[in-house]
Amino acid sequence: MKVAIFQLTSVYDYKENLKKIEEACLQVKRARGQALFLPECFYSMSNGLKPTEYLVEKGNEHYKNIQNLATKHELYLIGGSAATNLDGKVVNRAYNFAPDGTELPHYDKINLFSCELSKSGKSIDEADIYTSGNTPQIIEFENWKVGLGICFDLRFPKMGREYVEQGAQILTYSSAFTVPTGKAHWHTLNKARAIENQCYVIAAAQWGENNERIQTYGHSLIIDPWGEVLADAGIGEKIIFADINPERITEIRKSVGVFKS
């Protein structure tokens, strides 16, 4: 299967983000990609002090905008998250759609992020905005099983291991890693999840100056079960591609027997 990541600099205005994603979908379709992975908060990026006003709800305008990306371009749309209204609470939800518009199971971010952004005292605590989820989620499409994670979930290896023990062949982490934490840990953590679980890791990331408070690291990654980086987006808004094959998982697991295929 040919998969793609669109690394972008999401802003608050969802219309600006949708315009970029529409163009990315066209490029992925022209390149015969089958699945497009999007980063965390792709729909509307707030400043971390309060949630975006553009909250997704089942069937509302924003939900349909995301769903239409999949149907219009006949792509699997995987893993990108959007702030979602859930009974008056806001969750950070990873949405997944099939090319016919069918919604695949969603995932609400379990592990919420908190950090100091700089010596100036700026900080982000996602618990100020979001209510955490409590249910891990695997989705299935085109004979692939994908374990869903969002950003800070990457730092919790038990979550990935449990997904793989349930048959996941791909771990995906839609992310908006800050620049300092990205420089320090992004590549190491993603490679570790691939190597220890002998599976693919697909990590779509935000990049750039999203607003006056948040700058994100980029370097979206597609990594194979041996830990080889198949594609690294580096910096800038761009699309990366890679071909993935379940036989590669079988090969690695036979050579280093951590799991049985």
C-alpha atoms as a PDB file:
ATOM      1  CA  MET A   1       0.000   0.000   0.000  1.00  0.00           C
ATOM      2  CA  LYS A   2       1.218   3.479  -0.820  1.00  0.00           C
ATOM      3  CA  VAL A   3       0.714   5.832   2.116  1.00  0.00           C
ATOM      4  CA  ALA A   4       1.217   9.569   2.400  1.00  0.00           C
ATOM      5  CA  ILE A   5       1.604  12.182   5.118  1.00  0.00           C
ATOM      6  CA  PHE A   6       0.763  15.831   4.678  1.00  0.00           C
ATOM      7  CA  GLN A   7       2.899  17.949   6.979  1.00  0.00           C
ATOM      8  CA  LEU A   8       1.360  21.389   7.323  1.00  0.00           C
ATOM      9  CA  THR A   9       1.276  24.488   9.493  1.00  0.00           C
ATOM     10  CA  SER A  10      -2.293  24.565  10.698  1.00  0.00           C
ATOM     11  CA  VAL A  11      -3.670  27.914  11.831  1.00  0.00           C
ATOM     12  CA  TYR A  12      -6.840  28.884  13.674  1.00  0.00           C
ATOM     13  CA  ASP A  13      -8.920  29.509  10.529  1.00  0.00           C
ATOM     14  CA  TYR A  14     -10.142  26.110   9.370  1.00  0.00           C
ATOM     15  CA  LYS A  15     -10.812  27.422   5.852  1.00  0.00           C
ATOM     16  CA  GLU A  16      -7.118  28.123   5.311  1.00  0.00           C
ATOM     17  CA  ASN A  17      -6.230  24.649   6.510  1.00  0.00           C
ATOM     18  CA  LEU A  18      -8.863  22.957   4.359  1.00  0.00           C
ATOM     19  CA  LYS A  19      -7.607  24.748   1.257  1.00  0.00           C
ATOM     20  CA  LYS A  20      -4.116  23.330   1.801  1.00  0.00           C
ATOM     21  CA  ILE A  21      -5.404  19.853   2.584  1.00  0.00           C
ATOM     22  CA  GLU A  22      -7.577  19.843  -0.535  1.00  0.00           C
ATOM     23  CA  GLU A  23      -4.504  20.488  -2.676  1.00  0.00           C
ATOM     24  CA  ALA A  24      -2.583  17.788  -0.815  1.00  0.00           C
ATOM     25  CA  CYS A  25      -5.380  15.288  -1.476  1.00  0.00           C
ATOM     26  CA  LEU A  26      -5.173  16.060  -5.182  1.00  0.00           C
ATOM     27  CA  GLN A  27      -1.430  15.443  -5.183  1.00  0.00           C
ATOM     28  CA  VAL A  28      -1.775  12.197  -3.249  1.00  0.00           C
ATOM     29  CA  LYS A  29      -4.437  10.969  -5.645  1.00  0.00           C
ATOM     30  CA  ARG A  30      -2.284  11.851  -8.668  1.00  0.00           C
ATOM     31  CA  ALA A  31       0.571   9.886  -7.113  1.00  0.00           C
ATOM     32  CA  ARG A  32      -1.785   6.928  -6.608  1.00  0.00           C
ATOM     33  CA  GLY A  33      -1.577   7.076  -2.849  1.00  0.00           C
ATOM     34  CA  GLN A  34      -4.279   5.133  -1.019  1.00  0.00           C
ATOM     35  CA  ALA A  35      -4.191   6.596   2.479  1.00  0.00           C
ATOM     36  CA  LEU A  36      -3.418  10.115   3.679  1.00  0.00           C
ATOM     37  CA  PHE A  37      -2.325  10.641   7.278  1.00  0.00           C
ATOM     38  CA  LEU A  38      -2.841  14.080   8.820  1.00  0.00           C
ATOM     39  CA  PRO A  39      -1.327  15.664  11.952  1.00  0.00           C
ATOM     40  CA  GLU A  40      -2.812  16.612  15.289  1.00  0.00           C
ATOM     41  CA  CYS A  41      -5.179  19.613  15.276  1.00  0.00           C
ATOM     42  CA  PHE A  42      -5.099  19.746  11.485  1.00  0.00           C
ATOM     43  CA  TYR A  43      -8.547  21.333  11.289  1.00  0.00           C
ATOM     44  CA  SER A  44      -7.985  24.336  13.575  1.00  0.00           C
ATOM     45  CA  MET A  45      -4.992  25.045  15.823  1.00  0.00           C
ATOM     46  CA  SER A  46      -5.753  27.102  18.934  1.00  0.00           C
ATOM     47  CA  ASN A  47      -3.126  28.887  21.033  1.00  0.00           C
ATOM     48  CA  GLY A  48      -3.372  26.398  23.888  1.00  0.00           C
ATOM     49  CA  LEU A  49      -5.207  28.759  26.232  1.00  0.00           C
ATOM     50  CA  LYS A  50      -8.735  27.937  25.114  1.00  0.00           C
ATOM     51  CA  PRO A  51     -10.274  25.589  22.559  1.00  0.00           C
ATOM     52  CA  THR A  52     -10.957  26.608  18.995  1.00  0.00           C
ATOM     53  CA  GLU A  53     -14.468  27.844  18.299  1.00  0.00           C
ATOM     54  CA  TYR A  54     -14.601  25.478  15.300  1.00  0.00           C
ATOM     55  CA  LEU A  55     -15.559  22.358  17.229  1.00  0.00           C
ATOM     56  CA  VAL A  56     -16.462  19.214  15.335  1.00  0.00           C
ATOM     57  CA  GLU A  57     -19.661  17.373  16.213  1.00  0.00           C
ATOM     58  CA  LYS A  58     -21.166  14.338  14.518  1.00  0.00           C
ATOM     59  CA  GLY A  59     -22.881  15.560  11.349  1.00  0.00           C
ATOM     60  CA  ASN A  60     -22.154  19.274  11.740  1.00  0.00           C
ATOM     61  CA  GLU A  61     -20.502  21.485   9.112  1.00  0.00           C
ATOM     62  CA  HIS A  62     -16.981  20.778  10.350  1.00  0.00           C
ATOM     63  CA  TYR A  63     -17.537  17.028  10.509  1.00  0.00           C
ATOM     64  CA  LYS A  64     -18.829  17.063   6.934  1.00  0.00           C
ATOM     65  CA  ASN A  65     -15.849  19.143   5.776  1.00  0.00           C
ATOM     66  CA  ILE A  66     -13.493  16.429   7.023  1.00  0.00           C
ATOM     67  CA  GLN A  67     -15.630  13.586   5.676  1.00  0.00           C
ATOM     68  CA  ASN A  68     -15.834  15.265   2.263  1.00  0.00           C
ATOM     69  CA  LEU A  69     -12.039  15.270   1.942  1.00  0.00           C
ATOM     70  CA  ALA A  70     -12.164  11.472   1.874  1.00  0.00           C
ATOM     71  CA  THR A  71     -15.155  11.119  -0.449  1.00  0.00           C
ATOM     72  CA  LYS A  72     -14.223  13.837  -2.925  1.00  0.00           C
ATOM     73  CA  HIS A  73     -10.744  12.421  -3.459  1.00  0.00           C
ATOM     74  CA  GLU A  74     -11.539   8.735  -2.808  1.00  0.00           C
ATOM     75  CA  LEU A  75      -8.852   8.372  -0.167  1.00  0.00           C
ATOM     76  CA  TYR A  76      -8.566   6.845   3.248  1.00  0.00           C
ATOM     77  CA  LEU A  77      -8.153   9.798   5.599  1.00  0.00           C
ATOM     78  CA  ILE A  78      -6.400   8.565   8.721  1.00  0.00           C
ATOM     79  CA  GLY A  79      -5.402   9.715  12.176  1.00  0.00           C
ATOM     80  CA  GLY A  80      -5.534  13.478  12.014  1.00  0.00           C
ATOM     81  CA  SER A  81      -7.173  15.002  15.074  1.00  0.00           C
ATOM     82  CA  ALA A  82      -9.648  17.833  15.594  1.00  0.00           C
ATOM     83  CA  ALA A  83     -11.129  19.434  18.694  1.00  0.00           C
ATOM     84  CA  THR A  84     -14.544  17.864  19.182  1.00  0.00           C
ATOM     85  CA  ASN A  85     -17.555  18.698  21.317  1.00  0.00           C
ATOM     86  CA  LEU A  86     -18.607  15.659  23.331  1.00  0.00           C
ATOM     87  CA  ASP A  87     -21.593  16.367  25.551  1.00  0.00           C
ATOM     88  CA  GLY A  88     -20.300  19.811  26.444  1.00  0.00           C
ATOM     89  CA  LYS A  89     -16.709  18.672  26.952  1.00  0.00           C
ATOM     90  CA  VAL A  90     -13.910  19.064  24.415  1.00  0.00           C
ATOM     91  CA  VAL A  91     -11.870  16.043  23.362  1.00  0.00           C
ATOM     92  CA  ASN A  92      -8.920  15.807  20.981  1.00  0.00           C
ATOM     93  CA  ARG A  93     -10.302  13.238  18.543  1.00  0.00           C
ATOM     94  CA  ALA A  94      -8.518  11.366  15.747  1.00  0.00           C
ATOM     95  CA  TYR A  95     -10.895  10.967  12.812  1.00  0.00           C
ATOM     96  CA  ASN A  96     -10.724   8.221  10.202  1.00  0.00           C
ATOM     97  CA  PHE A  97     -12.763   7.957   7.012  1.00  0.00           C
ATOM     98  CA  ALA A  98     -12.951   5.453   4.173  1.00  0.00           C
ATOM     99  CA  PRO A  99     -13.053   6.646   0.549  1.00  0.00           C
ATOM    100  CA  ASP A 100     -16.844   6.223   0.469  1.00  0.00           C
ATOM    101  CA  GLY A 101     -17.251   8.478   3.495  1.00  0.00           C
ATOM    102  CA  THR A 102     -17.817   5.727   6.037  1.00  0.00           C
ATOM    103  CA  GLU A 103     -16.461   6.819   9.398  1.00  0.00           C
ATOM    104  CA  LEU A 104     -14.029   4.280  10.799  1.00  0.00           C
ATOM    105  CA  PRO A 105     -13.701   4.147  14.607  1.00  0.00           C
ATOM    106  CA  HIS A 106     -12.323   7.313  16.157  1.00  0.00           C
ATOM    107  CA  TYR A 107      -9.882   7.740  19.047  1.00  0.00           C
ATOM    108  CA  ASP A 108      -9.899  10.373  21.800  1.00  0.00           C
ATOM    109  CA  LYS A 109      -6.441  11.308  23.080  1.00  0.00           C
ATOM    110  CA  ILE A 110      -5.764   9.593  26.397  1.00  0.00           C
ATOM    111  CA  ASN A 111      -2.441  11.068  27.509  1.00  0.00           C
ATOM    112  CA  LEU A 112      -2.632  14.855  27.686  1.00  0.00           C
ATOM    113  CA  PHE A 113       0.478  16.998  27.290  1.00  0.00           C
ATOM    114  CA  SER A 114       1.869  19.550  29.726  1.00  0.00           C
ATOM    115  CA  CYS A 115       5.135  21.452  29.397  1.00  0.00           C
ATOM    116  CA  GLU A 116       7.003  24.738  29.721  1.00  0.00           C
ATOM    117  CA  LEU A 117       7.516  26.092  26.221  1.00  0.00           C
ATOM    118  CA  SER A 118      10.332  28.507  26.968  1.00  0.00           C
ATOM    119  CA  LYS A 119      12.293  30.314  29.652  1.00  0.00           C
ATOM    120  CA  SER A 120       9.807  33.167  29.338  1.00  0.00           C
ATOM    121  CA  GLY A 121       7.306  31.137  31.298  1.00  0.00           C
ATOM    122  CA  LYS A 122       4.970  30.208  28.470  1.00  0.00           C
ATOM    123  CA  SER A 123       3.430  26.809  29.007  1.00  0.00           C
ATOM    124  CA  ILE A 124       0.829  24.449  27.638  1.00  0.00           C
ATOM    125  CA  ASP A 125      -1.371  22.172  29.701  1.00  0.00           C
ATOM    126  CA  GLU A 126      -3.852  20.352  27.499  1.00  0.00           C
ATOM    127  CA  ALA A 127      -6.001  19.543  30.515  1.00  0.00           C
ATOM    128  CA  ASP A 128      -6.958  23.238  30.528  1.00  0.00           C
ATOM    129  CA  ILE A 129      -8.752  22.621  27.226  1.00  0.00           C
ATOM    130  CA  TYR A 130      -9.376  18.934  26.728  1.00  0.00           C
ATOM    131  CA  THR A 131     -10.984  16.076  28.579  1.00  0.00           C
ATOM    132  CA  SER A 132      -8.905  12.938  28.169  1.00  0.00           C
ATOM    133  CA  GLY A 133     -10.226   9.850  26.458  1.00  0.00           C
ATOM    134  CA  ASN A 134     -10.066   6.426  28.051  1.00  0.00           C
ATOM    135  CA  THR A 135     -10.326   3.881  25.229  1.00  0.00           C
ATOM    136  CA  PRO A 136      -7.473   2.796  22.924  1.00  0.00           C
ATOM    137  CA  GLN A 137      -8.576   2.090  19.362  1.00  0.00           C
ATOM    138  CA  ILE A 138      -7.481  -0.087  16.448  1.00  0.00           C
ATOM    139  CA  ILE A 139      -8.945   0.494  12.993  1.00  0.00           C
ATOM    140  CA  GLU A 140      -8.871  -1.855  10.012  1.00  0.00           C
ATOM    141  CA  PHE A 141      -8.733  -1.066   6.305  1.00  0.00           C
ATOM    142  CA  GLU A 142      -7.275  -2.731   3.214  1.00  0.00           C
ATOM    143  CA  ASN A 143      -6.119  -5.709   5.331  1.00  0.00           C
ATOM    144  CA  TRP A 144      -4.144  -3.457   7.665  1.00  0.00           C
ATOM    145  CA  LYS A 145      -4.692  -2.994  11.382  1.00  0.00           C
ATOM    146  CA  VAL A 146      -3.676   0.421  12.706  1.00  0.00           C
ATOM    147  CA  GLY A 147      -3.250   1.363  16.372  1.00  0.00           C
ATOM    148  CA  LEU A 148      -4.186   5.008  16.917  1.00  0.00           C
ATOM    149  CA  GLY A 149      -2.235   7.473  19.041  1.00  0.00           C
ATOM    150  CA  ILE A 150      -1.942  11.243  19.276  1.00  0.00           C
ATOM    151  CA  CYS A 151       1.307  13.090  20.024  1.00  0.00           C
ATOM    152  CA  PHE A 152       2.063  12.616  23.751  1.00  0.00           C
ATOM    153  CA  ASP A 153       0.850   8.997  23.469  1.00  0.00           C
ATOM    154  CA  LEU A 154       4.146   8.373  21.686  1.00  0.00           C
ATOM    155  CA  ARG A 155       5.890   8.483  25.084  1.00  0.00           C
ATOM    156  CA  PHE A 156       3.866   5.548  26.428  1.00  0.00           C
ATOM    157  CA  PRO A 157       5.376   2.336  25.005  1.00  0.00           C
ATOM    158  CA  LYS A 158       2.896   0.059  26.784  1.00  0.00           C
ATOM    159  CA  MET A 159       0.118   1.477  24.625  1.00  0.00           C
ATOM    160  CA  GLY A 160       1.929   0.575  21.407  1.00  0.00           C
ATOM    161  CA  ARG A 161       2.841  -2.886  22.658  1.00  0.00           C
ATOM    162  CA  GLU A 162      -0.768  -3.642  23.562  1.00  0.00           C
ATOM    163  CA  TYR A 163      -1.879  -2.563  20.094  1.00  0.00           C
ATOM    164  CA  VAL A 164       0.626  -4.877  18.423  1.00  0.00           C
ATOM    165  CA  GLU A 165      -0.315  -7.767  20.688  1.00  0.00           C
ATOM    166  CA  GLN A 166      -3.855  -7.279  19.368  1.00  0.00           C
ATOM    167  CA  GLY A 167      -2.615  -7.546  15.787  1.00  0.00           C
ATOM    168  CA  ALA A 168      -1.757  -3.974  14.794  1.00  0.00           C
ATOM    169  CA  GLN A 169       0.820  -3.760  12.002  1.00  0.00           C
ATOM    170  CA  ILE A 170       0.991   0.055  12.023  1.00  0.00           C
ATOM    171  CA  LEU A 171       1.206   2.500  14.893  1.00  0.00           C
ATOM    172  CA  THR A 172       0.250   6.043  13.985  1.00  0.00           C
ATOM    173  CA  TYR A 173       0.896   9.173  16.022  1.00  0.00           C
ATOM    174  CA  SER A 174      -0.655  12.364  14.673  1.00  0.00           C
ATOM    175  CA  SER A 175       1.386  15.052  16.373  1.00  0.00           C
ATOM    176  CA  ALA A 176       2.182  18.674  17.068  1.00  0.00           C
ATOM    177  CA  PHE A 177       5.489  18.271  18.888  1.00  0.00           C
ATOM    178  CA  THR A 178       6.968  21.536  20.083  1.00  0.00           C
ATOM    179  CA  VAL A 179      10.388  22.498  18.718  1.00  0.00           C
ATOM    180  CA  PRO A 180      12.401  21.813  21.925  1.00  0.00           C
ATOM    181  CA  THR A 181      10.822  18.426  22.618  1.00  0.00           C
ATOM    182  CA  GLY A 182      10.960  17.546  18.941  1.00  0.00           C
ATOM    183  CA  LYS A 183      14.667  18.231  18.671  1.00  0.00           C
ATOM    184  CA  ALA A 184      15.328  16.206  21.795  1.00  0.00           C
ATOM    185  CA  HIS A 185      13.117  13.161  21.387  1.00  0.00           C
ATOM    186  CA  TRP A 186      10.972  12.958  18.232  1.00  0.00           C
ATOM    187  CA  HIS A 187      13.123  10.706  16.042  1.00  0.00           C
ATOM    188  CA  THR A 188      14.296   8.549  18.937  1.00  0.00           C
ATOM    189  CA  LEU A 189      10.794   7.849  20.237  1.00  0.00           C
ATOM    190  CA  ASN A 190       9.293   7.040  16.856  1.00  0.00           C
ATOM    191  CA  LYS A 191      12.151   4.734  15.915  1.00  0.00           C
ATOM    192  CA  ALA A 192      11.921   3.020  19.291  1.00  0.00           C
ATOM    193  CA  ARG A 193       8.210   2.302  18.845  1.00  0.00           C
ATOM    194  CA  ALA A 194       8.914   0.771  15.415  1.00  0.00           C
ATOM    195  CA  ILE A 195      11.891  -1.315  16.550  1.00  0.00           C
ATOM    196  CA  GLU A 196      10.474  -2.653  19.799  1.00  0.00           C
ATOM    197  CA  ASN A 197       7.172  -3.594  18.166  1.00  0.00           C
ATOM    198  CA  GLN A 198       8.559  -4.677  14.791  1.00  0.00           C
ATOM    199  CA  CYS A 199       5.847  -2.740  12.993  1.00  0.00           C
ATOM    200  CA  TYR A 200       5.467   0.341  10.821  1.00  0.00           C
ATOM    201  CA  VAL A 201       5.192   3.741  12.466  1.00  0.00           C
ATOM    202  CA  ILE A 202       3.481   6.558  10.587  1.00  0.00           C
ATOM    203  CA  ALA A 203       3.760   9.875  12.410  1.00  0.00           C
ATOM    204  CA  ALA A 204       2.212  12.932  10.777  1.00  0.00           C
ATOM    205  CA  ALA A 205       3.395  16.165  12.376  1.00  0.00           C
ATOM    206  CA  GLN A 206       2.670  19.864  12.404  1.00  0.00           C
ATOM    207  CA  TRP A 207       5.490  22.168  11.339  1.00  0.00           C
ATOM    208  CA  GLY A 208       6.210  25.865  11.753  1.00  0.00           C
ATOM    209  CA  GLU A 209       4.823  28.884  13.566  1.00  0.00           C
ATOM    210  CA  ASN A 210       1.194  27.947  14.103  1.00  0.00           C
ATOM    211  CA  ASN A 211       0.450  31.037  16.195  1.00  0.00           C
ATOM    212  CA  GLU A 212       2.149  33.449  18.591  1.00  0.00           C
ATOM    213  CA  ARG A 213       2.503  30.786  21.295  1.00  0.00           C
ATOM    214  CA  ILE A 214       3.088  27.536  19.434  1.00  0.00           C
ATOM    215  CA  GLN A 215       5.920  26.510  17.132  1.00  0.00           C
ATOM    216  CA  THR A 216       6.045  22.911  15.989  1.00  0.00           C
ATOM    217  CA  TYR A 217       8.950  20.713  14.962  1.00  0.00           C
ATOM    218  CA  GLY A 218       7.840  18.947  11.793  1.00  0.00           C
ATOM    219  CA  HIS A 219       9.877  15.949  10.588  1.00  0.00           C
ATOM    220  CA  SER A 220       6.867  13.755   9.851  1.00  0.00           C
ATOM    221  CA  LEU A 221       8.093  10.173   9.628  1.00  0.00           C
ATOM    222  CA  ILE A 222       7.329   6.844   7.998  1.00  0.00           C
ATOM    223  CA  ILE A 223       9.448   4.119   9.602  1.00  0.00           C
ATOM    224  CA  ASP A 224       9.652   0.418   8.789  1.00  0.00           C
ATOM    225  CA  PRO A 225       9.714  -2.484  11.290  1.00  0.00           C
ATOM    226  CA  TRP A 226      13.524  -2.534  11.330  1.00  0.00           C
ATOM    227  CA  GLY A 227      13.633   1.128  12.370  1.00  0.00           C
ATOM    228  CA  GLU A 228      14.641   2.340   8.916  1.00  0.00           C
ATOM    229  CA  VAL A 229      13.277   5.775   8.110  1.00  0.00           C
ATOM    230  CA  LEU A 230      11.517   5.439   4.775  1.00  0.00           C
ATOM    231  CA  ALA A 231      10.557   9.112   4.621  1.00  0.00           C
ATOM    232  CA  ASP A 232      11.307  12.193   6.742  1.00  0.00           C
ATOM    233  CA  ALA A 233       9.538  15.430   5.855  1.00  0.00           C
ATOM    234  CA  GLY A 234      12.146  17.596   7.555  1.00  0.00           C
ATOM    235  CA  ILE A 235      10.943  21.200   7.735  1.00  0.00           C
ATOM    236  CA  GLY A 236       8.340  22.956   5.605  1.00  0.00           C
ATOM    237  CA  GLU A 237       4.883  22.117   4.397  1.00  0.00           C
ATOM    238  CA  LYS A 238       5.114  19.055   2.190  1.00  0.00           C
ATOM    239  CA  ILE A 239       3.819  15.590   1.340  1.00  0.00           C
ATOM    240  CA  ILE A 240       5.897  12.462   1.850  1.00  0.00           C
ATOM    241  CA  PHE A 241       5.183   8.963   0.525  1.00  0.00           C
ATOM    242  CA  ALA A 242       6.252   5.408   1.214  1.00  0.00           C
ATOM    243  CA  ASP A 243       5.231   1.936   0.143  1.00  0.00           C
ATOM    244  CA  ILE A 244       4.507  -0.424   3.017  1.00  0.00           C
ATOM    245  CA  ASN A 245       4.234  -4.199   2.825  1.00  0.00           C
ATOM    246  CA  PRO A 246       3.118  -6.747   5.458  1.00  0.00           C
ATOM    247  CA  GLU A 247       5.792  -9.113   4.192  1.00  0.00           C
ATOM    248  CA  ARG A 248       8.399  -6.735   5.614  1.00  0.00           C
ATOM    249  CA  ILE A 249       6.896  -7.239   9.068  1.00  0.00           C
ATOM    250  CA  THR A 250       7.013 -11.006   8.649  1.00  0.00           C
ATOM    251  CA  GLU A 251      10.631 -10.834   7.478  1.00  0.00           C
ATOM    252  CA  ILE A 252      11.761  -8.770  10.462  1.00  0.00           C
ATOM    253  CA  ARG A 253       9.863 -10.845  13.004  1.00  0.00           C
ATOM    254  CA  LYS A 254      11.378 -14.042  11.628  1.00  0.00           C
ATOM    255  CA  SER A 255      14.895 -12.607  11.783  1.00  0.00           C
ATOM    256  CA  VAL A 256      14.525 -11.186  15.316  1.00  0.00           C
ATOM    257  CA  GLY A 257      11.922 -13.179  17.186  1.00  0.00           C
ATOM    258  CA  VAL A 258      10.210 -10.639  19.409  1.00  0.00           C
ATOM    259  CA  PHE A 259       6.767 -11.412  17.955  1.00  0.00           C
ATOM    260  CA  LYS A 260       5.313 -14.229  15.962  1.00  0.00           C
ATOM    261  CA  SER A 261       3.605 -13.120  12.744  1.00  0.00           C
END
